């Protein structure tokens, strides 16, 4: 599956890019995406991603398709092909 990840605020600053396209296995979870981002953008660890490398640091959150926030208990769910994930701070939302 192919998804888009857009970075806002601190995540954009630490990644140094506005957005990326990821080609992933169908079984990839949101937690797996956090792990991938931690590996690809280690500057996010401690700022956007917890030191464990698999949990978003509060108040950062995934927004799926500009429709719903992915809560901590939903991180083991999977996105779908064509989804757009926005990595943002809840304090930046409106």
N, C-alpha and C. Protein backbone atom coordinates (compact mmCIF):
# COMPACT_ATOMS: atom_id res chain seq x y z
N UNK A 1 0.85 -1.17 0.00
CA UNK A 1 0.00 0.00 0.00
C UNK A 1 0.89 1.24 0.00
N UNK A 2 0.36 2.32 -0.48
CA UNK A 2 1.09 3.59 -0.52
C UNK A 2 0.29 4.63 0.25
N UNK A 3 0.97 5.31 1.17
CA UNK A 3 0.34 6.37 1.96
C UNK A 3 1.20 7.62 1.89
N UNK A 4 0.60 8.74 2.22
CA UNK A 4 1.30 10.02 2.34
C UNK A 4 1.37 10.38 3.82
N UNK A 5 2.51 10.91 4.24
CA UNK A 5 2.66 11.43 5.60
C UNK A 5 3.05 12.89 5.48
N UNK A 6 2.23 13.76 6.05
CA UNK A 6 2.53 15.19 6.08
C UNK A 6 2.97 15.56 7.49
N UNK A 7 4.00 16.37 7.57
CA UNK A 7 4.53 16.81 8.86
C UNK A 7 4.13 18.26 9.10
N UNK A 8 3.65 18.55 10.31
CA UNK A 8 3.33 19.92 10.70
C UNK A 8 4.12 20.29 11.94
N UNK A 9 4.43 21.56 12.08
CA UNK A 9 5.06 22.07 13.29
C UNK A 9 6.41 21.46 13.58
N UNK A 10 6.58 20.99 14.82
CA UNK A 10 7.86 20.45 15.27
C UNK A 10 8.28 19.23 14.45
N UNK A 11 7.32 18.41 14.04
CA UNK A 11 7.68 17.23 13.24
C UNK A 11 8.27 17.67 11.89
N UNK A 12 7.74 18.71 11.30
CA UNK A 12 8.29 19.22 10.03
C UNK A 12 9.68 19.79 10.25
N UNK A 13 9.85 20.51 11.34
CA UNK A 13 11.15 21.10 11.65
C UNK A 13 12.21 20.01 11.86
N UNK A 14 11.87 18.98 12.63
CA UNK A 14 12.87 17.95 12.94
C UNK A 14 13.11 17.01 11.76
N UNK A 15 12.09 16.76 10.94
CA UNK A 15 12.27 15.90 9.76
C UNK A 15 12.96 16.65 8.63
N UNK A 16 12.73 17.95 8.56
CA UNK A 16 13.33 18.74 7.49
C UNK A 16 12.62 18.61 6.16
N UNK A 17 11.42 18.02 6.17
CA UNK A 17 10.62 17.87 4.96
C UNK A 17 9.16 18.15 5.29
N UNK A 18 8.40 18.52 4.25
CA UNK A 18 6.98 18.78 4.44
C UNK A 18 6.15 17.51 4.43
N UNK A 19 6.48 16.58 3.50
CA UNK A 19 5.73 15.34 3.42
C UNK A 19 6.55 14.28 2.71
N UNK A 20 6.13 13.03 2.93
CA UNK A 20 6.79 11.90 2.29
C UNK A 20 5.73 10.90 1.82
N UNK A 21 6.11 10.06 0.89
CA UNK A 21 5.29 8.95 0.45
C UNK A 21 5.95 7.67 0.94
N UNK A 22 5.16 6.79 1.52
CA UNK A 22 5.67 5.52 2.02
C UNK A 22 4.98 4.37 1.31
N UNK A 23 5.77 3.42 0.83
CA UNK A 23 5.25 2.16 0.30
C UNK A 23 5.40 1.12 1.40
N UNK A 24 4.28 0.59 1.88
CA UNK A 24 4.26 -0.26 3.06
C UNK A 24 3.54 -1.58 2.80
N UNK A 25 3.83 -2.56 3.63
CA UNK A 25 3.08 -3.82 3.60
C UNK A 25 1.66 -3.56 4.09
N UNK A 26 0.71 -4.34 3.61
CA UNK A 26 -0.70 -4.17 4.01
C UNK A 26 -0.91 -4.28 5.52
N UNK A 27 -0.09 -5.06 6.20
CA UNK A 27 -0.26 -5.27 7.64
C UNK A 27 0.42 -4.20 8.50
N UNK A 28 1.01 -3.20 7.89
CA UNK A 28 1.70 -2.15 8.64
C UNK A 28 0.73 -1.39 9.52
N UNK A 29 1.11 -1.20 10.78
CA UNK A 29 0.27 -0.47 11.73
C UNK A 29 0.77 0.96 11.88
N UNK A 30 -0.05 1.78 12.54
CA UNK A 30 0.37 3.15 12.83
C UNK A 30 1.63 3.14 13.71
N UNK A 31 1.72 2.19 14.63
CA UNK A 31 2.90 2.05 15.49
C UNK A 31 4.14 1.73 14.63
N UNK A 32 3.97 0.88 13.63
CA UNK A 32 5.07 0.58 12.71
C UNK A 32 5.54 1.84 11.98
N UNK A 33 4.59 2.69 11.64
CA UNK A 33 4.94 3.94 10.96
C UNK A 33 5.76 4.83 11.88
N UNK A 34 5.39 4.89 13.16
CA UNK A 34 6.18 5.66 14.13
C UNK A 34 7.60 5.10 14.19
N UNK A 35 7.73 3.78 14.23
CA UNK A 35 9.06 3.15 14.26
C UNK A 35 9.87 3.53 13.02
N UNK A 36 9.23 3.48 11.87
CA UNK A 36 9.90 3.83 10.63
C UNK A 36 10.36 5.29 10.65
N UNK A 37 9.49 6.18 11.12
CA UNK A 37 9.85 7.60 11.20
C UNK A 37 11.00 7.83 12.18
N UNK A 38 10.99 7.10 13.29
CA UNK A 38 12.08 7.23 14.28
C UNK A 38 13.42 6.82 13.67
N UNK A 39 13.39 5.78 12.83
CA UNK A 39 14.61 5.33 12.18
C UNK A 39 15.06 6.30 11.11
N UNK A 40 14.11 6.78 10.32
CA UNK A 40 14.44 7.68 9.21
C UNK A 40 14.80 9.09 9.68
N UNK A 41 14.15 9.54 10.75
CA UNK A 41 14.35 10.90 11.26
C UNK A 41 14.68 10.84 12.76
N UNK A 42 15.88 10.44 13.12
CA UNK A 42 16.22 10.27 14.54
C UNK A 42 16.11 11.56 15.37
N UNK A 43 16.14 12.72 14.73
CA UNK A 43 15.97 13.97 15.48
C UNK A 43 14.57 14.08 16.08
N UNK A 44 13.63 13.28 15.60
CA UNK A 44 12.27 13.30 16.17
C UNK A 44 12.23 12.64 17.55
N UNK A 45 13.16 11.74 17.81
CA UNK A 45 13.15 11.03 19.09
C UNK A 45 13.44 12.01 20.23
N UNK A 46 12.56 12.02 21.20
CA UNK A 46 12.67 12.93 22.33
C UNK A 46 11.94 14.23 22.12
N UNK A 47 11.56 14.52 20.87
CA UNK A 47 10.82 15.74 20.56
C UNK A 47 9.39 15.44 20.11
N UNK A 48 9.27 14.52 19.17
CA UNK A 48 7.98 14.15 18.59
C UNK A 48 7.65 12.70 18.94
N UNK A 49 8.68 11.87 19.02
CA UNK A 49 8.54 10.45 19.31
C UNK A 49 9.22 10.14 20.65
N UNK A 50 8.55 9.32 21.46
CA UNK A 50 9.11 8.93 22.76
C UNK A 50 10.45 8.21 22.56
N UNK A 51 11.32 8.21 23.58
CA UNK A 51 12.59 7.50 23.47
C UNK A 51 12.46 6.01 23.13
N UNK A 52 11.28 5.39 23.36
CA UNK A 52 11.10 3.98 23.00
C UNK A 52 11.07 3.77 21.48
N UNK A 53 10.95 4.87 20.71
CA UNK A 53 10.97 4.79 19.26
C UNK A 53 9.71 4.26 18.61
N UNK A 54 8.64 4.07 19.41
CA UNK A 54 7.41 3.53 18.82
C UNK A 54 6.14 4.21 19.31
N UNK A 55 6.29 5.25 20.12
CA UNK A 55 5.14 5.96 20.67
C UNK A 55 5.29 7.45 20.39
N UNK A 56 4.21 8.08 19.95
CA UNK A 56 4.27 9.52 19.76
C UNK A 56 4.28 10.22 21.11
N UNK A 57 5.06 11.26 21.20
CA UNK A 57 5.17 12.03 22.44
C UNK A 57 4.05 13.05 22.49
N UNK A 58 3.33 13.10 23.60
CA UNK A 58 2.25 14.06 23.78
C UNK A 58 2.79 15.48 23.63
N UNK A 59 2.13 16.36 22.93
CA UNK A 59 0.78 16.31 22.36
C UNK A 59 0.74 15.94 20.88
N UNK A 60 1.76 15.25 20.36
CA UNK A 60 1.78 14.86 18.96
C UNK A 60 0.81 13.71 18.71
N UNK A 61 0.21 13.72 17.53
CA UNK A 61 -0.82 12.74 17.21
C UNK A 61 -0.90 12.59 15.69
N UNK A 62 -1.38 11.44 15.25
CA UNK A 62 -1.67 11.23 13.83
C UNK A 62 -3.11 11.65 13.56
N UNK A 63 -3.31 12.37 12.47
CA UNK A 63 -4.64 12.66 11.97
C UNK A 63 -4.77 11.89 10.66
N UNK A 64 -5.84 11.12 10.53
CA UNK A 64 -6.04 10.28 9.36
C UNK A 64 -7.03 10.93 8.40
N UNK A 65 -6.52 11.26 7.21
CA UNK A 65 -7.35 11.82 6.13
C UNK A 65 -8.11 13.07 6.54
N UNK A 66 -7.55 13.84 7.46
CA UNK A 66 -8.17 15.09 7.94
C UNK A 66 -9.58 14.84 8.49
N UNK A 67 -9.82 13.60 8.97
CA UNK A 67 -11.15 13.26 9.48
C UNK A 67 -11.16 12.79 10.92
N UNK A 68 -10.10 12.07 11.32
CA UNK A 68 -10.11 11.57 12.70
C UNK A 68 -8.70 11.45 13.25
N UNK A 69 -8.60 11.62 14.54
CA UNK A 69 -7.33 11.47 15.24
C UNK A 69 -7.14 10.00 15.59
N UNK A 70 -5.91 9.52 15.50
CA UNK A 70 -5.59 8.15 15.88
C UNK A 70 -5.13 8.19 17.33
N UNK A 71 -5.94 7.63 18.21
CA UNK A 71 -5.65 7.64 19.65
C UNK A 71 -4.64 6.56 20.00
N UNK A 72 -4.08 6.66 21.19
CA UNK A 72 -3.05 5.70 21.64
C UNK A 72 -3.53 4.27 21.55
N UNK A 73 -4.79 4.01 21.84
CA UNK A 73 -5.30 2.63 21.80
C UNK A 73 -5.64 2.16 20.38
N UNK A 74 -5.40 3.02 19.38
CA UNK A 74 -5.65 2.66 17.98
C UNK A 74 -4.35 2.51 17.18
N UNK A 75 -3.21 2.62 17.85
CA UNK A 75 -1.92 2.61 17.15
C UNK A 75 -1.59 1.25 16.53
N UNK A 76 -2.27 0.19 16.94
CA UNK A 76 -2.01 -1.13 16.36
C UNK A 76 -2.98 -1.45 15.22
N UNK A 77 -3.77 -0.46 14.82
CA UNK A 77 -4.61 -0.57 13.63
C UNK A 77 -3.78 -0.19 12.42
N UNK A 78 -4.29 -0.47 11.24
CA UNK A 78 -3.55 -0.21 10.01
C UNK A 78 -4.25 0.84 9.15
N UNK A 79 -3.46 1.69 8.50
CA UNK A 79 -4.05 2.59 7.50
C UNK A 79 -4.40 1.78 6.25
N UNK A 80 -5.04 2.42 5.30
CA UNK A 80 -5.39 1.79 4.03
C UNK A 80 -4.63 2.45 2.89
N UNK A 81 -4.54 1.74 1.79
CA UNK A 81 -3.89 2.29 0.61
C UNK A 81 -4.51 3.63 0.24
N UNK A 82 -3.66 4.61 -0.02
CA UNK A 82 -4.14 5.93 -0.41
C UNK A 82 -4.40 6.88 0.75
N UNK A 83 -4.30 6.39 1.98
CA UNK A 83 -4.54 7.26 3.14
C UNK A 83 -3.49 8.36 3.24
N UNK A 84 -3.91 9.45 3.87
CA UNK A 84 -3.02 10.57 4.16
C UNK A 84 -2.98 10.73 5.67
N UNK A 85 -1.78 10.65 6.23
CA UNK A 85 -1.59 10.81 7.67
C UNK A 85 -0.90 12.14 7.90
N UNK A 86 -1.44 12.92 8.81
CA UNK A 86 -0.82 14.18 9.19
C UNK A 86 -0.26 13.99 10.59
N UNK A 87 1.03 14.22 10.75
CA UNK A 87 1.66 14.17 12.07
C UNK A 87 1.70 15.58 12.60
N UNK A 88 0.93 15.82 13.64
CA UNK A 88 0.74 17.18 14.15
C UNK A 88 0.68 17.20 15.67
N UNK A 89 0.78 18.39 16.20
CA UNK A 89 0.59 18.60 17.63
C UNK A 89 -0.88 18.95 17.84
N UNK A 90 -1.51 18.31 18.83
CA UNK A 90 -2.90 18.63 19.13
C UNK A 90 -3.07 20.10 19.50
N UNK A 91 -2.04 20.69 20.08
CA UNK A 91 -2.14 22.11 20.44
C UNK A 91 -2.11 23.00 19.22
N UNK A 92 -1.71 22.45 18.04
CA UNK A 92 -1.70 23.23 16.80
C UNK A 92 -2.99 23.07 16.03
N UNK A 93 -3.84 22.12 16.45
CA UNK A 93 -5.08 21.86 15.73
C UNK A 93 -6.12 22.90 16.04
N UNK A 94 -7.24 22.80 15.38
CA UNK A 94 -8.28 23.79 15.63
C UNK A 94 -9.65 23.21 15.46
